[in-house]
Protein backbone atom coordinates (compact mmCIF):
# COMPACT_ATOMS: atom_id res chain seq x y z
CA UNK A 1 4.63 -50.06 -68.47
CA UNK A 2 4.28 -47.43 -65.72
CA UNK A 3 1.17 -47.51 -63.54
CA UNK A 4 -1.73 -45.26 -64.48
CA UNK A 5 -1.72 -41.82 -62.90
CA UNK A 6 -4.12 -41.24 -60.03
CA UNK A 7 -6.99 -39.24 -61.58
CA UNK A 8 -7.77 -37.60 -58.24
CA UNK A 9 -4.25 -36.17 -58.14
CA UNK A 10 -4.62 -34.80 -61.67
CA UNK A 11 -7.86 -33.01 -60.72
CA UNK A 12 -6.24 -31.60 -57.57
CA UNK A 13 -3.34 -30.25 -59.64
CA UNK A 14 -5.77 -28.63 -62.10
CA UNK A 15 -7.60 -27.00 -59.21
CA UNK A 16 -4.38 -25.68 -57.69
CA UNK A 17 -3.36 -24.25 -61.07
CA UNK A 18 -6.71 -22.51 -61.45
CA UNK A 19 -6.29 -21.01 -57.98
CA UNK A 20 -2.75 -19.84 -58.75
CA UNK A 21 -3.90 -18.23 -62.00
CA UNK A 22 -6.69 -16.59 -59.98
CA UNK A 23 -8.77 -15.64 -63.02
CA UNK A 24 -12.45 -16.06 -63.76
CA UNK A 25 -11.54 -17.94 -66.93
CA UNK A 26 -9.31 -20.48 -65.16
CA UNK A 27 -11.90 -21.21 -62.49
CA UNK A 28 -14.74 -21.46 -65.02
CA UNK A 29 -12.68 -23.91 -67.09
CA UNK A 30 -11.99 -26.05 -64.03
CA UNK A 31 -15.71 -26.09 -63.14
CA UNK A 32 -16.67 -26.95 -66.72
CA UNK A 33 -14.19 -29.83 -66.83
CA UNK A 34 -15.03 -31.21 -63.36
CA UNK A 35 -18.56 -30.03 -62.46
CA UNK A 36 -19.30 -32.90 -60.07
CA UNK A 37 -15.96 -32.98 -58.27
CA UNK A 38 -15.99 -31.71 -54.67
CA UNK A 39 -13.30 -29.20 -55.63
CA UNK A 40 -15.74 -27.60 -58.06
CA UNK A 41 -17.66 -26.26 -55.05
CA UNK A 42 -14.46 -24.60 -53.82
CA UNK A 43 -13.83 -23.25 -57.30
CA UNK A 44 -17.35 -21.79 -57.38
CA UNK A 45 -16.69 -20.06 -54.07
CA UNK A 46 -13.44 -18.61 -55.44
CA UNK A 47 -15.29 -17.52 -58.58
CA UNK A 48 -17.91 -15.68 -56.55
CA UNK A 49 -15.15 -13.95 -54.59
CA UNK A 50 -13.43 -12.83 -57.80
CA UNK A 51 -16.70 -11.61 -59.31
CA UNK A 52 -17.37 -9.13 -56.53
């Protein structure tokens, strides 16, 4: 049985995908799925930038 995937890596990959998509929807989805993750703060900053 393979070892479990590092959950931190999975969250990082989701964040990077949201940034690459560069849409309000992608960033909002990331924030909704991981509201307490430190990367959510970065996603909120990106979201504010996009909303200008």
